[in-house]
Amino acid sequence: MPEHDTSQVPSKPKAEQDQLTEEPKIYPVYVYERTCQDIFNFCLREAQRRPPREALGVILGFRRQWQGTKYVRVTDWATGQVESSMTYARFTPEGILEYRLALHDRYGSNPHTPRVIGLWHSHPFGGNPQFSSTDINTFFRTPFCAEGNVFFLIDPLSRFFKVYMLRRSSEKDVLRLERVEWCTYQPKVPTDTPPSEDAWDSEEGGSDRA
């Protein structure tokens, strides 16, 4: 699968181009273009420190389905105080409280606001990034171990932006972390009644709720 180069975000998102066909392709993950760039730029700033630091944050969005096909729409992100080095990154207890308070201040307790549905993480080493065993163990722990949760793995120096999702195996009732196709999108102000989306939020990723 070709890597997504954030230096070349198309003027017309790929999702919109596909919708011009009779049978539009439904991607597993749609990322708001500004959110994609903001996360990437934050990771780049951390990578330019001496020594470079891994970065970490949470992903906000919605699980949805269209005509029976499930997908995720990523709309926002947040971070807090992180203990990090060249080999690991993890939230401090203060950092967890910090990003939760920031999200509450941003969205309040409205049930229709985006929810925490995963993590983004950087490996700023100028190569093809791969998850460590520590990363994977984090994904498979509460509150992030839920079907449909999304994880970004980024190397801002080599411009890798990989997207993964927890999916339930059809053969065995277990969750697997799979790399998936994705695209950026730009929200548009509706001019008429938009098509309805079915919510896919029966399994939320734990208690982290914006």
Protein backbone atom coordinates (compact mmCIF):
# COMPACT_ATOMS: atom_id res chain seq x y z
CA MET A 1 0.00 0.00 0.00
CA PRO A 2 1.50 3.39 -0.90
CA GLU A 3 2.39 5.70 1.95
CA HIS A 4 0.39 8.87 2.44
CA ASP A 5 2.71 11.87 2.00
CA THR A 6 1.31 14.76 4.03
CA SER A 7 3.43 17.18 2.02
CA GLN A 8 1.12 16.59 -0.92
CA VAL A 9 -2.42 16.77 0.42
CA PRO A 10 -4.59 16.95 -2.74
CA SER A 11 -6.57 20.13 -3.39
CA LYS A 12 -9.64 17.95 -3.83
CA PRO A 13 -9.58 15.15 -1.23
CA LYS A 14 -9.53 11.69 -2.70
CA ALA A 15 -12.81 10.87 -0.99
CA GLU A 16 -14.56 13.64 -2.92
CA GLN A 17 -13.06 12.47 -6.21
CA ASP A 18 -14.33 8.95 -5.61
CA GLN A 19 -17.80 10.23 -4.82
CA LEU A 20 -18.09 11.47 -8.40
CA THR A 21 -18.31 7.86 -9.60
CA GLU A 22 -21.51 5.81 -9.60
CA GLU A 23 -20.25 3.59 -6.77
CA PRO A 24 -18.17 5.75 -4.38
CA LYS A 25 -15.46 3.95 -2.47
CA ILE A 26 -15.88 3.96 1.29
CA TYR A 27 -12.55 4.21 3.11
CA PRO A 28 -12.13 2.67 6.55
CA VAL A 29 -10.79 5.98 7.90
CA TYR A 30 -11.41 9.62 6.93
CA VAL A 31 -9.18 12.26 8.55
CA TYR A 32 -10.10 15.93 8.61
CA GLU A 33 -7.32 17.58 6.58
CA ARG A 34 -6.50 20.25 9.17
CA THR A 35 -6.33 17.63 11.93
CA CYS A 36 -3.92 15.56 9.82
CA GLN A 37 -1.63 18.55 9.25
CA ASP A 38 -1.79 19.71 12.88
CA ILE A 39 -0.78 16.31 14.25
CA PHE A 40 2.00 15.96 11.68
CA ASN A 41 3.37 19.44 12.41
CA PHE A 42 3.30 18.83 16.16
CA CYS A 43 5.27 15.60 15.68
CA LEU A 44 7.73 17.48 13.48
CA ARG A 45 8.33 20.14 16.14
CA GLU A 46 9.01 17.44 18.73
CA ALA A 47 11.35 15.65 16.32
CA GLN A 48 13.38 18.84 15.86
CA ARG A 49 14.24 19.01 19.54
CA ARG A 50 17.70 17.89 20.69
CA PRO A 51 17.53 14.99 21.22
CA PRO A 52 14.38 14.24 19.18
CA ARG A 53 11.38 13.22 21.22
CA GLU A 54 8.62 10.78 20.46
CA ALA A 55 5.20 12.41 20.63
CA LEU A 56 1.86 11.00 21.74
CA GLY A 57 -1.76 12.10 21.78
CA VAL A 58 -5.36 11.01 21.49
CA ILE A 59 -7.59 10.90 18.40
CA LEU A 60 -11.17 12.15 18.46
CA GLY A 61 -13.93 11.30 16.07
CA PHE A 62 -16.97 9.20 15.28
CA ARG A 63 -17.61 5.60 14.34
CA ARG A 64 -20.17 5.49 11.53
CA GLN A 65 -21.58 3.22 8.88
CA TRP A 66 -22.92 3.92 5.41
CA GLN A 67 -25.14 1.37 3.71
CA GLY A 68 -23.85 -1.29 6.06
CA THR A 69 -20.14 -0.46 5.65
CA LYS A 70 -18.39 0.68 8.82
CA TYR A 71 -15.90 3.54 8.81
CA VAL A 72 -14.35 6.08 11.17
CA ARG A 73 -14.28 9.84 10.81
CA VAL A 74 -11.38 11.54 12.66
CA THR A 75 -12.17 15.16 13.45
CA ASP A 76 -9.82 16.36 16.20
CA TRP A 77 -6.88 15.54 18.45
CA ALA A 78 -5.42 16.43 21.82
CA THR A 79 -2.37 15.83 23.94
CA GLY A 80 -1.09 16.48 27.43
CA GLN A 81 2.10 16.19 29.40
CA VAL A 82 4.11 13.26 28.07
CA GLU A 83 7.17 11.56 29.47
CA SER A 84 9.21 10.87 26.35
CA SER A 85 12.64 10.08 25.02
CA MET A 86 14.15 8.62 21.84
CA THR A 87 12.76 5.19 22.74
CA TYR A 88 9.32 5.65 24.31
CA ALA A 89 6.48 8.04 25.07
CA ARG A 90 3.74 7.76 27.66
CA PHE A 91 1.26 10.07 29.30
CA THR A 92 2.03 11.13 32.83
CA PRO A 93 -0.95 11.05 35.25
CA GLU A 94 -0.97 14.84 35.00
CA GLY A 95 -0.94 14.59 31.20
CA ILE A 96 -4.03 12.36 31.17
CA LEU A 97 -5.86 14.84 33.38
CA GLU A 98 -4.60 17.69 31.22
CA TYR A 99 -5.96 16.37 27.92
CA ARG A 100 -9.25 15.30 29.54
CA LEU A 101 -9.76 18.78 30.98
CA ALA A 102 -8.82 20.35 27.66
CA LEU A 103 -11.41 18.22 25.85
CA HIS A 104 -14.06 19.02 28.44
CA ASP A 105 -13.29 22.72 28.05
CA ARG A 106 -13.46 22.37 24.26
CA TYR A 107 -16.64 20.30 24.01
CA GLY A 108 -18.35 20.11 27.37
CA SER A 109 -20.51 17.06 28.08
CA ASN A 110 -22.68 17.14 24.95
CA PRO A 111 -23.23 13.48 23.90
CA HIS A 112 -23.04 14.45 20.21
CA THR A 113 -19.45 15.69 20.36
CA PRO A 114 -16.54 13.52 19.13
CA ARG A 115 -15.17 10.84 21.39
CA VAL A 116 -11.69 9.54 22.06
CA ILE A 117 -11.29 6.69 19.56
CA GLY A 118 -7.57 6.00 19.53
CA LEU A 119 -4.03 7.31 19.70
CA TRP A 120 -1.42 8.96 17.50
CA HIS A 121 2.26 8.35 18.10
CA SER A 122 5.53 9.33 16.44
CA HIS A 123 8.83 7.52 15.84
CA PRO A 124 11.00 10.44 14.65
CA PHE A 125 13.98 8.52 13.31
CA GLY A 126 13.87 9.17 9.57
CA GLY A 127 12.89 5.64 8.54
CA ASN A 128 9.91 3.38 7.98
CA PRO A 129 8.25 3.40 11.43
CA GLN A 130 7.04 0.20 13.08
CA PHE A 131 5.11 -0.23 16.30
CA SER A 132 7.08 -1.46 19.28
CA SER A 133 5.78 -4.16 21.60
CA THR A 134 5.11 -1.41 24.17
CA ASP A 135 2.97 0.46 21.64
CA ILE A 136 0.92 -2.63 20.82
CA ASN A 137 0.41 -3.47 24.49
CA THR A 138 -0.94 0.05 24.98
CA PHE A 139 -3.45 -0.34 22.15
CA PHE A 140 -4.78 -3.57 23.60
CA ARG A 141 -5.44 -2.08 27.03
CA THR A 142 -8.45 -0.14 28.28
CA PRO A 143 -9.60 2.45 27.28
CA PHE A 144 -8.24 1.96 23.75
CA CYS A 145 -9.02 -1.71 23.11
CA ALA A 146 -12.30 -1.46 21.21
CA GLU A 147 -13.37 -2.44 17.72
CA GLY A 148 -12.99 0.46 15.30
CA ASN A 149 -10.42 2.36 17.32
CA VAL A 150 -7.77 4.03 15.19
CA PHE A 151 -4.02 4.49 15.63
CA PHE A 152 -1.67 6.76 13.69
CA LEU A 153 2.05 5.98 13.43
CA ILE A 154 4.07 8.92 12.14
CA ASP A 155 7.67 9.62 11.24
CA PRO A 156 7.73 13.34 10.41
CA LEU A 157 11.33 13.18 9.16
CA SER A 158 10.66 10.56 6.49
CA ARG A 159 7.04 11.79 6.10
CA PHE A 160 5.36 8.48 6.90
CA PHE A 161 1.79 8.70 8.15
CA LYS A 162 0.40 5.21 8.69
CA VAL A 163 -3.14 4.47 9.82
CA TYR A 164 -4.17 1.33 11.70
CA MET A 165 -7.49 0.09 13.04
CA LEU A 166 -8.58 -2.55 15.53
CA ARG A 167 -10.79 -4.98 13.62
CA ARG A 168 -12.57 -8.13 14.70
CA SER A 169 -11.40 -11.27 12.94
CA SER A 170 -14.12 -13.12 11.01
CA GLU A 171 -12.55 -16.49 11.78
CA LYS A 172 -11.97 -15.90 15.48
CA ASP A 173 -13.76 -13.47 17.71
CA VAL A 174 -10.58 -11.53 18.49
CA LEU A 175 -9.38 -8.02 17.75
CA ARG A 176 -6.45 -7.52 15.40
CA LEU A 177 -4.47 -4.38 14.64
CA GLU A 178 -4.56 -3.92 10.84
CA ARG A 179 -3.14 -1.24 8.60
CA VAL A 180 -5.93 0.33 6.55
CA GLU A 181 -6.50 2.69 3.64
CA TRP A 182 -7.44 6.25 4.51
CA CYS A 183 -7.92 9.70 3.03
CA THR A 184 -8.20 13.29 4.10
CA TYR A 185 -11.38 15.29 3.73
CA GLN A 186 -12.59 18.87 4.03
CA PRO A 187 -15.97 19.39 5.67
CA LYS A 188 -18.48 21.40 3.67
CA VAL A 189 -21.43 23.46 4.86
CA PRO A 190 -24.53 21.48 3.76
CA THR A 191 -26.78 23.26 1.28
CA ASP A 192 -29.61 20.80 1.68
CA THR A 193 -30.55 17.87 3.87
CA PRO A 194 -27.47 15.61 4.10
CA PRO A 195 -27.75 11.84 3.81
CA SER A 196 -28.19 10.18 7.16
CA GLU A 197 -25.32 8.29 8.77
CA ASP A 198 -25.95 5.36 11.05
CA ALA A 199 -24.07 5.59 14.32
CA TRP A 200 -21.63 2.81 15.10
CA ASP A 201 -20.94 3.63 18.71
CA SER A 202 -22.32 0.66 20.57
CA GLU A 203 -18.79 -0.20 21.75
CA GLU A 204 -17.04 2.91 23.02
CA GLY A 205 -13.36 2.92 23.84
CA GLY A 206 -13.65 3.08 27.58
CA SER A 207 -14.46 6.07 29.77
CA ASP A 208 -12.51 8.72 27.83
CA ARG A 209 -15.34 10.79 26.47
CA ALA A 210 -15.03 14.31 25.19
